[in-house]
Amino acid sequence: MLKLTYLGHSAFLLTDTQHHLLFDPFLTGNPLAPVQAEAIKADYVLLTHGHGDHSADAIAIAKRHSATLIAPYELAIYCQKKGCKVHPMGIGGAHVFDFGRVKLTIAHHGSGIDLGGETLAYVGSPCGYLVTLAGKTIYHAGDTGLFSDMKLIGEMNRIDVALLPIGDNYTMGIDDAVKAVELLNPGLAIPMHFNTFSVIESDPQEFVDKVKAQGQQARYLLIGEEILL
C-alpha cells in the first residue's frame, strides 16, 4: 500500500511497506510544519533544488538515517561534501533504485544555498521528479513556472498524482497550475507551495474548483494529512 503524507510547503513523505521517500524537507523554521525534523524517518531524500525552504533539513535527516540523497548533480555533490550519501542525477536522466524508478524533469526556477553573509552558492539546475513505485507514478514538479513540455511529460507518462505549486510570486499561480493539470492530465492533482509565507498566500480550494471545472480531479491536503494511493 502506497501512502502520501503532506508535511507542508513542498514537503511530502511517500511510503510503501518498505521504503520512505522524503521530498524537499522544510520543517525546521517552517511555522506550519506538523512534526519536527527529528521525528521523520527517510531511506531516500529527494531534493528539487537548493533553496532553504526545500532543503533546510535534508542533510541532517539524510545523515541521521544513512539515507541516500537524490538531487541534481551540483546539489548532490554539495551535500556529499557535507557528509551525505548521495546519488547525483541530471535533467532527463532516469535511474532504477530498489524501490522503483526516478526520472528528473526540467523546472523553471533557480537553485542556490545561502551560506551566510553575502555568499550564495549556486548548486546547479532545479528539477522536478517522476517517481514510479508500487505501480504508481507521482510527479513532484518542484518550484517551477508553467512550461509547454508539461504536455510531453503527460503524454509520455501515466501520472497518477501531480504535486504542483500554486503560490505565485516564486512559482506558478493558480491559473497557470490549472493549465499545468490540463497539460499533464494526471489522475489527481494536489497543490503545494502556498500559504507558508504571506507572499505566497493562495486559496487551494480555488485551485481544486477550477481543475474540477475542466473535468479533471484535484484535492488539497491539510498539513499532516495522508492519503492512500
C-alpha atoms as a PDB file:
ATOM      1  CA  MET A   1       0.000   0.000   0.000  1.00  0.00           C
ATOM      2  CA  LEU A   2       1.341   3.391  -1.026  1.00  0.00           C
ATOM      3  CA  LYS A   3       0.816   6.350   1.314  1.00  0.00           C
ATOM      4  CA  LEU A   4       1.411  10.041   0.659  1.00  0.00           C
ATOM      5  CA  THR A   5       1.701  12.440   3.603  1.00  0.00           C
ATOM      6  CA  TYR A   6       1.789  16.228   3.251  1.00  0.00           C
ATOM      7  CA  LEU A   7       4.330  17.841   5.565  1.00  0.00           C
ATOM      8  CA  GLY A   8       3.652  21.417   4.500  1.00  0.00           C
ATOM      9  CA  HIS A   9       5.060  23.750   1.847  1.00  0.00           C
ATOM     10  CA  SER A  10       6.503  21.349  -0.783  1.00  0.00           C
ATOM     11  CA  ALA A  11       7.487  18.555   1.598  1.00  0.00           C
ATOM     12  CA  PHE A  12       5.914  15.139   1.173  1.00  0.00           C
ATOM     13  CA  LEU A  13       6.629  11.684   2.566  1.00  0.00           C
ATOM     14  CA  LEU A  14       5.895   8.807   0.203  1.00  0.00           C
ATOM     15  CA  THR A  15       5.939   5.357   1.768  1.00  0.00           C
ATOM     16  CA  ASP A  16       5.208   1.764   0.875  1.00  0.00           C
ATOM     17  CA  THR A  17       5.659  -1.224   3.165  1.00  0.00           C
ATOM     18  CA  GLN A  18       9.454  -0.982   2.992  1.00  0.00           C
ATOM     19  CA  HIS A  19      10.594   2.418   1.767  1.00  0.00           C
ATOM     20  CA  HIS A  20      10.349   6.022   2.965  1.00  0.00           C
ATOM     21  CA  LEU A  21      10.911   8.703   0.329  1.00  0.00           C
ATOM     22  CA  LEU A  22      11.090  12.281   1.591  1.00  0.00           C
ATOM     23  CA  PHE A  23      10.707  15.219  -0.804  1.00  0.00           C
ATOM     24  CA  ASP A  24      12.054  18.724  -0.094  1.00  0.00           C
ATOM     25  CA  PRO A  25      12.069  18.637   3.718  1.00  0.00           C
ATOM     26  CA  PHE A  26      11.447  22.092   5.178  1.00  0.00           C
ATOM     27  CA  LEU A  27      10.394  21.508   8.774  1.00  0.00           C
ATOM     28  CA  THR A  28      12.858  23.434  10.920  1.00  0.00           C
ATOM     29  CA  GLY A  29      11.953  27.095  10.540  1.00  0.00           C
ATOM     30  CA  ASN A  30       8.577  26.352   8.976  1.00  0.00           C
ATOM     31  CA  PRO A  31       5.905  27.658  11.381  1.00  0.00           C
ATOM     32  CA  LEU A  32       3.294  25.395   9.784  1.00  0.00           C
ATOM     33  CA  ALA A  33       5.273  22.147   9.940  1.00  0.00           C
ATOM     34  CA  PRO A  34       3.269  19.350  11.629  1.00  0.00           C
ATOM     35  CA  VAL A  35       6.300  17.497  13.028  1.00  0.00           C
ATOM     36  CA  GLN A  36       9.890  18.164  13.955  1.00  0.00           C
ATOM     37  CA  ALA A  37      12.615  17.028  11.611  1.00  0.00           C
ATOM     38  CA  GLU A  38      13.897  14.602  14.226  1.00  0.00           C
ATOM     39  CA  ALA A  39      10.631  12.651  14.017  1.00  0.00           C
ATOM     40  CA  ILE A  40      10.913  11.946  10.292  1.00  0.00           C
ATOM     41  CA  LYS A  41      12.396   8.704   9.004  1.00  0.00           C
ATOM     42  CA  ALA A  42      13.708   8.512   5.456  1.00  0.00           C
ATOM     43  CA  ASP A  43      15.524   5.957   3.329  1.00  0.00           C
ATOM     44  CA  TYR A  44      15.785   8.419   0.445  1.00  0.00           C
ATOM     45  CA  VAL A  45      15.705  12.220   0.413  1.00  0.00           C
ATOM     46  CA  LEU A  46      14.825  13.830  -2.927  1.00  0.00           C
ATOM     47  CA  LEU A  47      15.695  17.488  -3.435  1.00  0.00           C
ATOM     48  CA  THR A  48      14.344  19.579  -6.295  1.00  0.00           C
ATOM     49  CA  HIS A  49      16.732  22.479  -5.657  1.00  0.00           C
ATOM     50  CA  GLY A  50      18.884  24.127  -3.035  1.00  0.00           C
ATOM     51  CA  HIS A  51      16.709  26.909  -1.619  1.00  0.00           C
ATOM     52  CA  GLY A  52      16.313  26.707   2.144  1.00  0.00           C
ATOM     53  CA  ASP A  53      12.557  26.275   2.069  1.00  0.00           C
ATOM     54  CA  HIS A  54      13.139  22.958   0.296  1.00  0.00           C
ATOM     55  CA  SER A  55      16.460  21.713   1.615  1.00  0.00           C
ATOM     56  CA  ALA A  56      16.568  23.014   5.194  1.00  0.00           C
ATOM     57  CA  ASP A  57      16.516  19.606   6.896  1.00  0.00           C
ATOM     58  CA  ALA A  58      17.746  17.421   4.059  1.00  0.00           C
ATOM     59  CA  ILE A  59      21.360  16.971   5.093  1.00  0.00           C
ATOM     60  CA  ALA A  60      20.590  16.366   8.781  1.00  0.00           C
ATOM     61  CA  ILE A  61      17.841  13.825   8.041  1.00  0.00           C
ATOM     62  CA  ALA A  62      19.890  12.029   5.391  1.00  0.00           C
ATOM     63  CA  LYS A  63      22.899  11.716   7.702  1.00  0.00           C
ATOM     64  CA  ARG A  64      20.792  10.681  10.690  1.00  0.00           C
ATOM     65  CA  HIS A  65      19.247   7.747   8.836  1.00  0.00           C
ATOM     66  CA  SER A  66      22.097   6.979   6.419  1.00  0.00           C
ATOM     67  CA  ALA A  67      19.600   7.784   3.684  1.00  0.00           C
ATOM     68  CA  THR A  68      20.570   8.241   0.068  1.00  0.00           C
ATOM     69  CA  LEU A  69      20.101  11.831  -1.043  1.00  0.00           C
ATOM     70  CA  ILE A  70      18.969  12.149  -4.667  1.00  0.00           C
ATOM     71  CA  ALA A  71      19.454  15.519  -6.349  1.00  0.00           C
ATOM     72  CA  PRO A  72      20.721  17.252  -9.491  1.00  0.00           C
ATOM     73  CA  TYR A  73      24.468  16.766  -9.803  1.00  0.00           C
ATOM     74  CA  GLU A  74      25.825  20.008  -8.344  1.00  0.00           C
ATOM     75  CA  LEU A  75      23.449  19.970  -5.392  1.00  0.00           C
ATOM     76  CA  ALA A  76      24.178  16.307  -4.716  1.00  0.00           C
ATOM     77  CA  ILE A  77      27.923  16.949  -4.673  1.00  0.00           C
ATOM     78  CA  TYR A  78      27.422  19.861  -2.274  1.00  0.00           C
ATOM     79  CA  CYS A  79      25.510  17.535   0.068  1.00  0.00           C
ATOM     80  CA  GLN A  80      28.138  14.815  -0.347  1.00  0.00           C
ATOM     81  CA  LYS A  81      30.787  17.245   0.855  1.00  0.00           C
ATOM     82  CA  LYS A  82      28.614  17.792   3.931  1.00  0.00           C
ATOM     83  CA  GLY A  83      28.778  14.069   4.714  1.00  0.00           C
ATOM     84  CA  CYS A  84      25.741  12.674   2.910  1.00  0.00           C
ATOM     85  CA  LYS A  85      25.492   9.509   0.861  1.00  0.00           C
ATOM     86  CA  VAL A  86      24.264  10.784  -2.492  1.00  0.00           C
ATOM     87  CA  HIS A  87      23.069   9.724  -5.923  1.00  0.00           C
ATOM     88  CA  PRO A  88      23.643  12.582  -8.396  1.00  0.00           C
ATOM     89  CA  MET A  89      21.389  12.825 -11.450  1.00  0.00           C
ATOM     90  CA  GLY A  90      20.834  15.080 -14.428  1.00  0.00           C
ATOM     91  CA  ILE A  91      17.775  16.564 -16.113  1.00  0.00           C
ATOM     92  CA  GLY A  92      16.130  13.984 -18.363  1.00  0.00           C
ATOM     93  CA  GLY A  93      18.028  11.120 -16.763  1.00  0.00           C
ATOM     94  CA  ALA A  94      16.398   8.165 -15.041  1.00  0.00           C
ATOM     95  CA  HIS A  95      17.629   5.501 -12.643  1.00  0.00           C
ATOM     96  CA  VAL A  96      16.086   2.369 -11.134  1.00  0.00           C
ATOM     97  CA  PHE A  97      16.521   2.172  -7.366  1.00  0.00           C
ATOM     98  CA  ASP A  98      15.468  -0.669  -5.059  1.00  0.00           C
ATOM     99  CA  PHE A  99      12.067   0.994  -4.562  1.00  0.00           C
ATOM    100  CA  GLY A 100      11.408   1.891  -8.206  1.00  0.00           C
ATOM    101  CA  ARG A 101      12.289   4.371 -10.938  1.00  0.00           C
ATOM    102  CA  VAL A 102      13.195   8.054 -10.674  1.00  0.00           C
ATOM    103  CA  LYS A 103      13.417  10.459 -13.601  1.00  0.00           C
ATOM    104  CA  LEU A 104      14.329  14.137 -13.424  1.00  0.00           C
ATOM    105  CA  THR A 105      12.320  16.711 -15.341  1.00  0.00           C
ATOM    106  CA  ILE A 106      13.033  20.347 -16.056  1.00  0.00           C
ATOM    107  CA  ALA A 107      11.778  23.062 -13.732  1.00  0.00           C
ATOM    108  CA  HIS A 108      11.937  26.781 -14.422  1.00  0.00           C
ATOM    109  CA  HIS A 109      13.304  28.274 -11.228  1.00  0.00           C
ATOM    110  CA  GLY A 110      16.682  28.852  -9.539  1.00  0.00           C
ATOM    111  CA  SER A 111      18.854  26.871  -7.161  1.00  0.00           C
ATOM    112  CA  GLY A 112      21.150  28.402  -4.599  1.00  0.00           C
ATOM    113  CA  ILE A 113      22.166  27.858  -0.987  1.00  0.00           C
ATOM    114  CA  ASP A 114      22.596  30.810   1.358  1.00  0.00           C
ATOM    115  CA  LEU A 115      25.992  30.366   3.027  1.00  0.00           C
ATOM    116  CA  GLY A 116      25.526  33.394   5.249  1.00  0.00           C
ATOM    117  CA  GLY A 117      26.767  36.919   4.956  1.00  0.00           C
ATOM    118  CA  GLU A 118      26.954  37.969   1.322  1.00  0.00           C
ATOM    119  CA  THR A 119      27.659  34.486  -0.015  1.00  0.00           C
ATOM    120  CA  LEU A 120      25.221  32.452  -2.094  1.00  0.00           C
ATOM    121  CA  ALA A 121      26.350  29.144  -3.577  1.00  0.00           C
ATOM    122  CA  TYR A 122      24.932  28.205  -6.967  1.00  0.00           C
ATOM    123  CA  VAL A 123      24.131  24.488  -6.940  1.00  0.00           C
ATOM    124  CA  GLY A 124      23.046  23.718 -10.482  1.00  0.00           C
ATOM    125  CA  SER A 125      19.693  23.442 -12.184  1.00  0.00           C
ATOM    126  CA  PRO A 126      16.403  22.898 -10.336  1.00  0.00           C
ATOM    127  CA  CYS A 127      14.308  19.890 -11.262  1.00  0.00           C
ATOM    128  CA  GLY A 128      11.061  18.060 -10.882  1.00  0.00           C
ATOM    129  CA  TYR A 129      10.692  14.320 -10.247  1.00  0.00           C
ATOM    130  CA  LEU A 130       8.769  11.476 -11.792  1.00  0.00           C
ATOM    131  CA  VAL A 131       8.837   8.672  -9.239  1.00  0.00           C
ATOM    132  CA  THR A 132       7.346   5.275 -10.002  1.00  0.00           C
ATOM    133  CA  LEU A 133       6.858   2.696  -7.259  1.00  0.00           C
ATOM    134  CA  ALA A 134       4.196   0.184  -6.292  1.00  0.00           C
ATOM    135  CA  GLY A 135       2.653   0.593  -9.724  1.00  0.00           C
ATOM    136  CA  LYS A 136       2.027   4.345  -9.300  1.00  0.00           C
ATOM    137  CA  THR A 137       3.748   7.368 -10.824  1.00  0.00           C
ATOM    138  CA  ILE A 138       3.977  10.574  -8.810  1.00  0.00           C
ATOM    139  CA  TYR A 139       5.117  13.840 -10.384  1.00  0.00           C
ATOM    140  CA  HIS A 140       6.619  16.349  -7.958  1.00  0.00           C
ATOM    141  CA  ALA A 141       7.047  19.471 -10.058  1.00  0.00           C
ATOM    142  CA  GLY A 142       9.357  21.272  -7.622  1.00  0.00           C
ATOM    143  CA  ASP A 143       9.337  25.044  -7.807  1.00  0.00           C
ATOM    144  CA  THR A 144       8.505  25.946 -11.373  1.00  0.00           C
ATOM    145  CA  GLY A 145       6.633  28.166 -13.714  1.00  0.00           C
ATOM    146  CA  LEU A 146       4.316  26.759 -16.336  1.00  0.00           C
ATOM    147  CA  PHE A 147       6.074  25.285 -19.372  1.00  0.00           C
ATOM    148  CA  SER A 148       4.714  23.704 -22.529  1.00  0.00           C
ATOM    149  CA  ASP A 149       6.744  20.491 -22.169  1.00  0.00           C
ATOM    150  CA  MET A 150       4.369  19.514 -19.369  1.00  0.00           C
ATOM    151  CA  LYS A 151       2.181  18.261 -22.207  1.00  0.00           C
ATOM    152  CA  LEU A 152       5.020  15.992 -23.335  1.00  0.00           C
ATOM    153  CA  ILE A 153       5.584  14.790 -19.778  1.00  0.00           C
ATOM    154  CA  GLY A 154       1.917  13.893 -19.565  1.00  0.00           C
ATOM    155  CA  GLU A 155       1.896  12.146 -22.941  1.00  0.00           C
ATOM    156  CA  MET A 156       4.941  10.008 -22.125  1.00  0.00           C
ATOM    157  CA  ASN A 157       3.934   9.102 -18.570  1.00  0.00           C
ATOM    158  CA  ARG A 158       0.697   7.938 -16.996  1.00  0.00           C
ATOM    159  CA  ILE A 159       0.797  10.219 -13.970  1.00  0.00           C
ATOM    160  CA  ASP A 160      -1.334   9.091 -11.054  1.00  0.00           C
ATOM    161  CA  VAL A 161      -0.661  12.111  -8.825  1.00  0.00           C
ATOM    162  CA  ALA A 162       0.780  15.507  -9.735  1.00  0.00           C
ATOM    163  CA  LEU A 163       2.070  17.751  -6.945  1.00  0.00           C
ATOM    164  CA  LEU A 164       2.033  21.320  -8.247  1.00  0.00           C
ATOM    165  CA  PRO A 165       2.963  24.709  -6.744  1.00  0.00           C
ATOM    166  CA  ILE A 166       0.188  27.307  -6.716  1.00  0.00           C
ATOM    167  CA  GLY A 167       1.534  30.122  -4.526  1.00  0.00           C
ATOM    168  CA  ASP A 168       2.574  32.526  -7.301  1.00  0.00           C
ATOM    169  CA  ASN A 169       5.413  35.079  -6.973  1.00  0.00           C
ATOM    170  CA  TYR A 170       8.175  32.420  -6.980  1.00  0.00           C
ATOM    171  CA  THR A 171       6.270  29.731  -8.918  1.00  0.00           C
ATOM    172  CA  MET A 172       3.082  29.156 -10.861  1.00  0.00           C
ATOM    173  CA  GLY A 173      -0.040  30.767  -9.530  1.00  0.00           C
ATOM    174  CA  ILE A 174      -3.436  29.101  -9.524  1.00  0.00           C
ATOM    175  CA  ASP A 175      -4.410  29.703 -13.146  1.00  0.00           C
ATOM    176  CA  ASP A 176      -1.074  28.544 -14.518  1.00  0.00           C
ATOM    177  CA  ALA A 177      -1.193  25.480 -12.268  1.00  0.00           C
ATOM    178  CA  VAL A 178      -4.685  24.690 -13.548  1.00  0.00           C
ATOM    179  CA  LYS A 179      -3.299  24.853 -17.095  1.00  0.00           C
ATOM    180  CA  ALA A 180      -0.485  22.544 -15.992  1.00  0.00           C
ATOM    181  CA  VAL A 181      -3.081  19.994 -14.891  1.00  0.00           C
ATOM    182  CA  GLU A 182      -4.706  20.223 -18.319  1.00  0.00           C
ATOM    183  CA  LEU A 183      -1.341  19.526 -19.989  1.00  0.00           C
ATOM    184  CA  LEU A 184      -0.200  16.760 -17.624  1.00  0.00           C
ATOM    185  CA  ASN A 185      -3.588  15.025 -17.353  1.00  0.00           C
ATOM    186  CA  PRO A 186      -2.858  13.277 -14.036  1.00  0.00           C
ATOM    187  CA  GLY A 187      -5.307  11.068 -12.215  1.00  0.00           C
ATOM    188  CA  LEU A 188      -5.223  13.516  -9.313  1.00  0.00           C
ATOM    189  CA  ALA A 189      -3.698  16.978  -8.822  1.00  0.00           C
ATOM    190  CA  ILE A 190      -2.606  18.186  -5.380  1.00  0.00           C
ATOM    191  CA  PRO A 191      -1.454  21.774  -4.718  1.00  0.00           C
ATOM    192  CA  MET A 192       1.665  22.685  -2.746  1.00  0.00           C
ATOM    193  CA  HIS A 193       3.941  25.662  -2.037  1.00  0.00           C
ATOM    194  CA  PHE A 194       1.235  28.028  -0.747  1.00  0.00           C
ATOM    195  CA  ASN A 195       0.370  29.934   2.451  1.00  0.00           C
ATOM    196  CA  THR A 196       3.676  29.258   4.223  1.00  0.00           C
ATOM    197  CA  PHE A 197       4.544  32.937   3.859  1.00  0.00           C
ATOM    198  CA  SER A 198       2.364  35.955   3.152  1.00  0.00           C
ATOM    199  CA  VAL A 199       3.874  36.470  -0.300  1.00  0.00           C
ATOM    200  CA  ILE A 200       2.589  33.053  -1.450  1.00  0.00           C
ATOM    201  CA  GLU A 201      -0.864  33.209   0.073  1.00  0.00           C
ATOM    202  CA  SER A 202      -3.241  31.331  -2.204  1.00  0.00           C
ATOM    203  CA  ASP A 203      -6.584  29.538  -1.930  1.00  0.00           C
ATOM    204  CA  PRO A 204      -6.169  25.804  -2.583  1.00  0.00           C
ATOM    205  CA  GLN A 205      -9.932  25.351  -2.854  1.00  0.00           C
ATOM    206  CA  GLU A 206      -9.990  27.758  -5.781  1.00  0.00           C
ATOM    207  CA  PHE A 207      -7.390  25.591  -7.494  1.00  0.00           C
ATOM    208  CA  VAL A 208      -9.420  22.449  -6.813  1.00  0.00           C
ATOM    209  CA  ASP A 209     -12.631  24.024  -8.083  1.00  0.00           C
ATOM    210  CA  LYS A 210     -11.028  25.255 -11.311  1.00  0.00           C
ATOM    211  CA  VAL A 211      -9.425  21.886 -12.016  1.00  0.00           C
ATOM    212  CA  LYS A 212     -12.736  20.109 -11.487  1.00  0.00           C
ATOM    213  CA  ALA A 213     -14.483  22.627 -13.733  1.00  0.00           C
ATOM    214  CA  GLN A 214     -12.283  21.488 -16.609  1.00  0.00           C
ATOM    215  CA  GLY A 215     -13.228  17.857 -15.973  1.00  0.00           C
ATOM    216  CA  GLN A 216     -10.172  16.680 -14.013  1.00  0.00           C
ATOM    217  CA  GLN A 217      -9.632  15.582 -10.429  1.00  0.00           C
ATOM    218  CA  ALA A 218      -7.986  17.580  -7.658  1.00  0.00           C
ATOM    219  CA  ARG A 219      -7.958  17.847  -3.893  1.00  0.00           C
ATOM    220  CA  TYR A 220      -5.851  19.697  -1.386  1.00  0.00           C
ATOM    221  CA  LEU A 221      -4.329  18.107   1.662  1.00  0.00           C
ATOM    222  CA  LEU A 222      -4.260  19.630   5.097  1.00  0.00           C
ATOM    223  CA  ILE A 223      -0.787  19.808   6.592  1.00  0.00           C
ATOM    224  CA  GLY A 224      -0.132  16.437   8.221  1.00  0.00           C
ATOM    225  CA  GLU A 225      -2.875  14.730   6.208  1.00  0.00           C
ATOM    226  CA  GLU A 226      -2.172  11.463   4.455  1.00  0.00           C
ATOM    227  CA  ILE A 227      -3.888   9.631   1.622  1.00  0.00           C
ATOM    228  CA  LEU A 228      -3.598   6.121   0.244  1.00  0.00           C
ATOM    229  CA  LEU A 229      -2.811   5.844  -3.455  1.00  0.00           C
END
